[in-house]
């Protein structure tokens, strides 16, 4: 009886740890840029590449920004070691409209804030 109780407890602990796994996306890149300065933001540790969808301040980036080349997205890249994906958002020249909190995925609640600095 004692042995089966230990296995039951271990099983419950395993399930609890699995369920409580926190989805977390990591961001790297510039946080402060000047107008007309090049910038990039990369998100990584995304588990599902189909969930990659860049947003600024909670709103999906529009086709106008993509079609005019103001912002580009590199194709998602798989990290084979941990079976996650990354994506990079690029702007050749920062504009005032680029300032804000960026997210790349519905996984996790993390954001990457980009602030524009006035002056040279």
N, C-alpha and C. Protein backbone atom coordinates (compact mmCIF):
# COMPACT_ATOMS: atom_id res chain seq x y z
N UNK A 1 0.82 -1.19 0.00
CA UNK A 1 0.00 0.00 0.00
C UNK A 1 0.87 1.26 0.00
N UNK A 2 1.89 1.25 0.83
CA UNK A 2 2.76 2.42 0.93
C UNK A 2 3.47 2.68 -0.40
N UNK A 3 3.90 1.61 -1.07
CA UNK A 3 4.61 1.74 -2.35
C UNK A 3 3.69 2.32 -3.42
N UNK A 4 2.47 1.87 -3.51
CA UNK A 4 1.54 2.40 -4.51
C UNK A 4 1.19 3.85 -4.22
N UNK A 5 1.17 4.22 -2.95
CA UNK A 5 0.90 5.62 -2.59
C UNK A 5 2.02 6.53 -3.08
N UNK A 6 3.26 6.04 -2.96
CA UNK A 6 4.40 6.83 -3.43
C UNK A 6 4.32 7.04 -4.94
N UNK A 7 3.98 5.98 -5.67
CA UNK A 7 3.85 6.11 -7.13
C UNK A 7 2.72 7.06 -7.50
N UNK A 8 1.64 7.01 -6.76
CA UNK A 8 0.51 7.90 -7.03
C UNK A 8 0.92 9.36 -6.79
N UNK A 9 1.64 9.59 -5.70
CA UNK A 9 2.09 10.95 -5.39
C UNK A 9 3.07 11.43 -6.45
N UNK A 10 4.01 10.58 -6.86
CA UNK A 10 4.95 10.96 -7.91
C UNK A 10 4.22 11.27 -9.21
N UNK A 11 3.24 10.47 -9.54
CA UNK A 11 2.45 10.71 -10.74
C UNK A 11 1.73 12.04 -10.69
N UNK A 12 1.14 12.35 -9.55
CA UNK A 12 0.44 13.63 -9.39
C UNK A 12 1.41 14.81 -9.48
N UNK A 13 2.60 14.65 -8.90
CA UNK A 13 3.61 15.72 -8.99
C UNK A 13 4.03 15.94 -10.44
N UNK A 14 4.22 14.86 -11.19
CA UNK A 14 4.59 14.98 -12.60
C UNK A 14 3.50 15.73 -13.37
N UNK A 15 2.26 15.36 -13.15
CA UNK A 15 1.14 16.03 -13.84
C UNK A 15 1.08 17.50 -13.46
N UNK A 16 1.24 17.79 -12.17
CA UNK A 16 1.19 19.18 -11.71
C UNK A 16 2.30 20.00 -12.35
N UNK A 17 3.50 19.44 -12.44
CA UNK A 17 4.61 20.17 -13.06
C UNK A 17 4.36 20.39 -14.54
N UNK A 18 3.80 19.40 -15.20
CA UNK A 18 3.52 19.51 -16.63
C UNK A 18 2.45 20.57 -16.89
N UNK A 19 1.40 20.55 -16.09
CA UNK A 19 0.31 21.51 -16.27
C UNK A 19 0.77 22.93 -15.96
N UNK A 20 1.62 23.07 -14.95
CA UNK A 20 2.01 24.41 -14.53
C UNK A 20 3.13 25.00 -15.38
N UNK A 21 3.56 24.27 -16.43
CA UNK A 21 4.61 24.80 -17.30
C UNK A 21 4.15 26.14 -17.87
N UNK A 22 4.93 27.18 -17.65
CA UNK A 22 4.56 28.51 -18.10
C UNK A 22 5.10 28.72 -19.51
N UNK A 23 4.20 29.12 -20.39
CA UNK A 23 4.64 29.45 -21.74
C UNK A 23 5.33 30.80 -21.67
N UNK A 24 6.53 30.85 -22.18
CA UNK A 24 7.31 32.08 -22.09
C UNK A 24 8.03 32.32 -23.40
N UNK A 25 7.89 33.52 -23.91
CA UNK A 25 8.57 33.93 -25.13
C UNK A 25 9.66 34.92 -24.73
N UNK A 26 10.86 34.75 -25.29
CA UNK A 26 11.97 35.67 -25.00
C UNK A 26 12.11 36.67 -26.14
N UNK A 27 12.41 37.93 -25.79
CA UNK A 27 12.63 38.97 -26.79
C UNK A 27 14.02 39.54 -26.64
N UNK A 28 14.67 39.83 -27.77
CA UNK A 28 15.95 40.52 -27.78
C UNK A 28 15.88 41.59 -28.87
N UNK A 29 16.69 42.62 -28.71
CA UNK A 29 16.74 43.68 -29.71
C UNK A 29 16.76 45.05 -29.08
N UNK A 30 16.78 46.04 -29.95
CA UNK A 30 16.83 47.42 -29.49
C UNK A 30 15.59 47.76 -28.67
N UNK A 31 15.81 48.61 -27.66
CA UNK A 31 14.68 49.12 -26.88
C UNK A 31 14.54 50.63 -27.06
N UNK A 32 15.62 51.31 -27.43
CA UNK A 32 15.60 52.76 -27.67
C UNK A 32 16.30 53.04 -28.99
N UNK A 33 15.59 53.68 -29.91
CA UNK A 33 16.16 54.01 -31.22
C UNK A 33 15.80 55.44 -31.61
N UNK A 34 16.61 55.98 -32.50
CA UNK A 34 16.34 57.32 -33.05
C UNK A 34 15.56 57.18 -34.35
N UNK A 35 14.82 58.22 -34.70
CA UNK A 35 14.09 58.23 -35.96
C UNK A 35 15.08 57.99 -37.09
N UNK A 36 14.72 57.18 -38.06
CA UNK A 36 15.51 56.76 -39.22
C UNK A 36 16.60 55.75 -38.89
N UNK A 37 16.70 55.31 -37.64
CA UNK A 37 17.69 54.30 -37.26
C UNK A 37 17.12 52.90 -37.54
N UNK A 38 17.98 51.99 -38.00
CA UNK A 38 17.62 50.59 -38.21
C UNK A 38 17.35 49.93 -36.85
N UNK A 39 16.35 49.05 -36.78
CA UNK A 39 16.12 48.28 -35.57
C UNK A 39 15.59 46.89 -35.89
N UNK A 40 15.82 45.98 -34.95
CA UNK A 40 15.34 44.60 -35.06
C UNK A 40 14.88 44.12 -33.70
N UNK A 41 13.82 43.32 -33.69
CA UNK A 41 13.37 42.63 -32.49
C UNK A 41 13.22 41.16 -32.86
N UNK A 42 13.82 40.29 -32.05
CA UNK A 42 13.69 38.85 -32.26
C UNK A 42 12.96 38.24 -31.08
N UNK A 43 11.98 37.41 -31.40
CA UNK A 43 11.33 36.64 -30.34
C UNK A 43 11.75 35.19 -30.52
N UNK A 44 11.95 34.51 -29.42
CA UNK A 44 12.37 33.11 -29.48
C UNK A 44 11.62 32.31 -28.42
N UNK A 45 11.80 31.02 -28.46
CA UNK A 45 11.15 30.07 -27.55
C UNK A 45 9.66 29.91 -27.84
N UNK A 46 9.25 30.18 -29.08
CA UNK A 46 7.85 29.98 -29.47
C UNK A 46 7.68 28.50 -29.81
N UNK A 47 6.72 27.85 -29.18
CA UNK A 47 6.53 26.41 -29.38
C UNK A 47 5.78 26.09 -30.67
N UNK A 48 4.85 26.94 -31.08
CA UNK A 48 4.03 26.66 -32.27
C UNK A 48 4.26 27.76 -33.30
N UNK A 49 4.94 27.45 -34.42
CA UNK A 49 5.23 28.50 -35.41
C UNK A 49 3.97 29.14 -36.00
N UNK A 50 2.85 28.43 -35.98
CA UNK A 50 1.62 29.03 -36.52
C UNK A 50 1.05 30.10 -35.59
N UNK A 51 1.57 30.19 -34.36
CA UNK A 51 1.10 31.23 -33.43
C UNK A 51 1.89 32.53 -33.60
N UNK A 52 2.90 32.54 -34.47
CA UNK A 52 3.70 33.76 -34.67
C UNK A 52 2.91 34.74 -35.51
N UNK A 53 2.60 35.86 -34.91
CA UNK A 53 1.83 36.92 -35.55
C UNK A 53 2.19 38.21 -34.84
N UNK A 54 2.99 39.05 -35.47
CA UNK A 54 3.49 40.25 -34.81
C UNK A 54 2.38 41.28 -34.59
N UNK A 55 2.41 41.87 -33.38
CA UNK A 55 1.46 42.93 -33.02
C UNK A 55 2.22 44.06 -32.34
N UNK A 56 1.67 45.27 -32.47
CA UNK A 56 2.18 46.43 -31.74
C UNK A 56 1.02 47.00 -30.94
N UNK A 57 1.22 47.14 -29.65
CA UNK A 57 0.18 47.64 -28.76
C UNK A 57 -1.12 46.84 -28.89
N UNK A 58 -0.97 45.51 -29.08
CA UNK A 58 -2.12 44.62 -29.15
C UNK A 58 -2.83 44.57 -30.48
N UNK A 59 -2.34 45.32 -31.47
CA UNK A 59 -2.99 45.37 -32.79
C UNK A 59 -2.04 44.76 -33.82
N UNK A 60 -2.56 43.83 -34.63
CA UNK A 60 -1.75 43.19 -35.67
C UNK A 60 -1.15 44.23 -36.60
N UNK A 61 0.12 44.03 -36.96
CA UNK A 61 0.76 44.94 -37.90
C UNK A 61 0.04 44.84 -39.24
N UNK A 62 -0.23 45.98 -39.84
CA UNK A 62 -1.02 46.02 -41.07
C UNK A 62 -0.25 45.69 -42.32
N UNK A 63 -0.99 45.30 -43.34
CA UNK A 63 -0.37 44.95 -44.62
C UNK A 63 0.31 46.16 -45.24
N UNK A 64 -0.16 47.38 -44.89
CA UNK A 64 0.47 48.60 -45.42
C UNK A 64 1.93 48.68 -44.99
N UNK A 65 2.19 48.37 -43.73
CA UNK A 65 3.57 48.42 -43.24
C UNK A 65 4.43 47.37 -43.93
N UNK A 66 3.88 46.19 -44.14
CA UNK A 66 4.64 45.13 -44.81
C UNK A 66 4.82 45.43 -46.29
N UNK A 67 3.75 45.87 -46.97
CA UNK A 67 3.81 46.07 -48.42
C UNK A 67 4.71 47.24 -48.81
N UNK A 68 4.81 48.25 -47.95
CA UNK A 68 5.66 49.40 -48.27
C UNK A 68 7.11 49.15 -47.87
N UNK A 69 7.35 48.05 -47.17
CA UNK A 69 8.71 47.74 -46.74
C UNK A 69 9.13 48.49 -45.50
N UNK A 70 8.19 49.20 -44.85
CA UNK A 70 8.54 49.91 -43.62
C UNK A 70 8.95 48.92 -42.54
N UNK A 71 8.32 47.75 -42.56
CA UNK A 71 8.64 46.68 -41.61
C UNK A 71 8.67 45.37 -42.38
N UNK A 72 9.65 44.53 -42.05
CA UNK A 72 9.75 43.20 -42.66
C UNK A 72 9.87 42.16 -41.56
N UNK A 73 9.44 40.95 -41.88
CA UNK A 73 9.57 39.83 -40.94
C UNK A 73 10.36 38.73 -41.63
N UNK A 74 11.41 38.27 -40.96
CA UNK A 74 12.14 37.11 -41.47
C UNK A 74 11.29 35.87 -41.24
N UNK A 75 11.41 34.89 -42.12
CA UNK A 75 10.68 33.64 -41.93
C UNK A 75 11.08 33.01 -40.60
N UNK A 76 10.12 32.38 -39.91
CA UNK A 76 10.46 31.73 -38.64
C UNK A 76 11.56 30.68 -38.82
N UNK A 77 12.42 30.59 -37.81
CA UNK A 77 13.54 29.66 -37.82
C UNK A 77 13.37 28.69 -36.66
N UNK A 78 13.57 27.40 -36.94
CA UNK A 78 13.43 26.39 -35.89
C UNK A 78 14.75 26.20 -35.15
N UNK A 79 14.68 26.14 -33.83
CA UNK A 79 15.81 25.77 -33.00
C UNK A 79 15.65 24.28 -32.72
N UNK A 80 16.42 23.47 -33.41
CA UNK A 80 16.27 22.02 -33.34
C UNK A 80 16.53 21.49 -31.93
N UNK A 81 17.45 22.12 -31.20
CA UNK A 81 17.83 21.63 -29.87
C UNK A 81 16.65 21.58 -28.91
N UNK A 82 15.84 22.64 -28.88
CA UNK A 82 14.71 22.64 -27.94
C UNK A 82 13.34 22.65 -28.64
N UNK A 83 13.35 22.45 -29.94
CA UNK A 83 12.12 22.35 -30.74
C UNK A 83 11.22 23.57 -30.58
N UNK A 84 11.84 24.74 -30.56
CA UNK A 84 11.09 25.99 -30.53
C UNK A 84 11.41 26.80 -31.78
N UNK A 85 10.73 27.90 -31.95
CA UNK A 85 10.87 28.73 -33.14
C UNK A 85 11.20 30.16 -32.74
N UNK A 86 11.82 30.89 -33.68
CA UNK A 86 12.08 32.31 -33.48
C UNK A 86 11.66 33.07 -34.72
N UNK A 87 11.41 34.36 -34.53
CA UNK A 87 11.03 35.24 -35.63
C UNK A 87 11.64 36.61 -35.37
N UNK A 88 12.02 37.29 -36.45
CA UNK A 88 12.65 38.61 -36.32
C UNK A 88 11.87 39.64 -37.12
N UNK A 89 11.56 40.75 -36.46
CA UNK A 89 10.88 41.89 -37.06
C UNK A 89 11.95 42.94 -37.32
N UNK A 90 11.96 43.53 -38.53
CA UNK A 90 13.03 44.45 -38.93
C UNK A 90 12.43 45.72 -39.52
N UNK A 91 13.00 46.86 -39.14
CA UNK A 91 12.68 48.13 -39.79
C UNK A 91 14.00 48.77 -40.21
N UNK A 92 14.10 49.13 -41.48
CA UNK A 92 15.32 49.78 -41.96
C UNK A 92 15.45 51.19 -41.40
N UNK A 93 14.32 51.88 -41.23
CA UNK A 93 14.32 53.24 -40.69
C UNK A 93 13.16 53.40 -39.72
N UNK A 94 13.48 53.68 -38.47
CA UNK A 94 12.45 53.87 -37.46
C UNK A 94 11.63 55.11 -37.74
N UNK A 95 10.32 54.99 -37.52
CA UNK A 95 9.42 56.14 -37.61
C UNK A 95 8.71 56.27 -36.27
N UNK A 96 8.07 57.41 -36.04
CA UNK A 96 7.35 57.61 -34.78
C UNK A 96 6.27 56.56 -34.58
N UNK A 97 5.69 56.07 -35.67
CA UNK A 97 4.66 55.05 -35.57
C UNK A 97 5.15 53.70 -35.09
N UNK A 98 6.47 53.51 -35.08
CA UNK A 98 7.03 52.23 -34.65
C UNK A 98 7.09 52.09 -33.13
N UNK A 99 6.98 53.18 -32.42
CA UNK A 99 7.08 53.11 -30.96
C UNK A 99 5.92 52.30 -30.39
N UNK A 100 6.22 51.44 -29.41
CA UNK A 100 5.15 50.69 -28.76
C UNK A 100 5.63 49.38 -28.19
N UNK A 101 4.66 48.60 -27.70
CA UNK A 101 4.92 47.29 -27.11
C UNK A 101 4.63 46.21 -28.14
N UNK A 102 5.65 45.43 -28.49
CA UNK A 102 5.55 44.41 -29.53
C UNK A 102 5.40 43.02 -28.91
N UNK A 103 4.58 42.20 -29.56
CA UNK A 103 4.48 40.79 -29.24
C UNK A 103 4.54 40.02 -30.56
N UNK A 104 5.02 38.79 -30.49
CA UNK A 104 5.11 38.00 -31.73
C UNK A 104 4.23 36.77 -31.69
N UNK A 105 3.63 36.49 -30.56
CA UNK A 105 2.93 35.21 -30.43
C UNK A 105 1.83 35.31 -29.38
N UNK A 106 0.87 34.43 -29.52
CA UNK A 106 -0.19 34.33 -28.51
C UNK A 106 0.29 33.55 -27.30
N UNK A 107 1.48 32.97 -27.38
CA UNK A 107 2.05 32.22 -26.26
C UNK A 107 2.68 33.20 -25.28
N UNK A 108 2.27 33.18 -24.05
CA UNK A 108 2.86 34.03 -23.02
C UNK A 108 2.33 35.45 -23.07
N UNK A 109 2.72 36.24 -22.07
CA UNK A 109 2.26 37.62 -21.95
C UNK A 109 3.37 38.64 -22.09
N UNK A 110 4.56 38.20 -22.43
CA UNK A 110 5.71 39.09 -22.50
C UNK A 110 5.57 40.04 -23.69
N UNK A 111 6.16 41.23 -23.55
CA UNK A 111 6.22 42.19 -24.65
C UNK A 111 7.65 42.73 -24.74
N UNK A 112 7.92 43.37 -25.85
CA UNK A 112 9.20 44.07 -26.04
C UNK A 112 8.85 45.50 -26.39
N UNK A 113 9.23 46.45 -25.53
CA UNK A 113 8.87 47.85 -25.76
C UNK A 113 9.97 48.57 -26.53
N UNK A 114 9.56 49.24 -27.60
CA UNK A 114 10.47 50.04 -28.42
C UNK A 114 10.13 51.51 -28.21
N UNK A 115 11.13 52.30 -27.79
CA UNK A 115 10.94 53.72 -27.53
C UNK A 115 11.77 54.52 -28.52
N UNK A 116 11.17 55.56 -29.10
CA UNK A 116 11.90 56.44 -30.00
C UNK A 116 12.50 57.60 -29.22
N UNK A 117 13.74 57.94 -29.57
CA UNK A 117 14.46 59.02 -28.92
C UNK A 117 14.54 60.18 -29.91
N UNK A 118 14.24 61.38 -29.45
CA UNK A 118 14.35 62.56 -30.32
C UNK A 118 15.79 63.03 -30.37
N UNK A 119 16.15 63.66 -31.47
CA UNK A 119 17.49 64.23 -31.62
C UNK A 119 18.44 63.28 -32.30
N UNK A 120 19.71 63.77 -32.49
CA UNK A 120 20.70 62.96 -33.20
C UNK A 120 21.59 62.22 -32.27
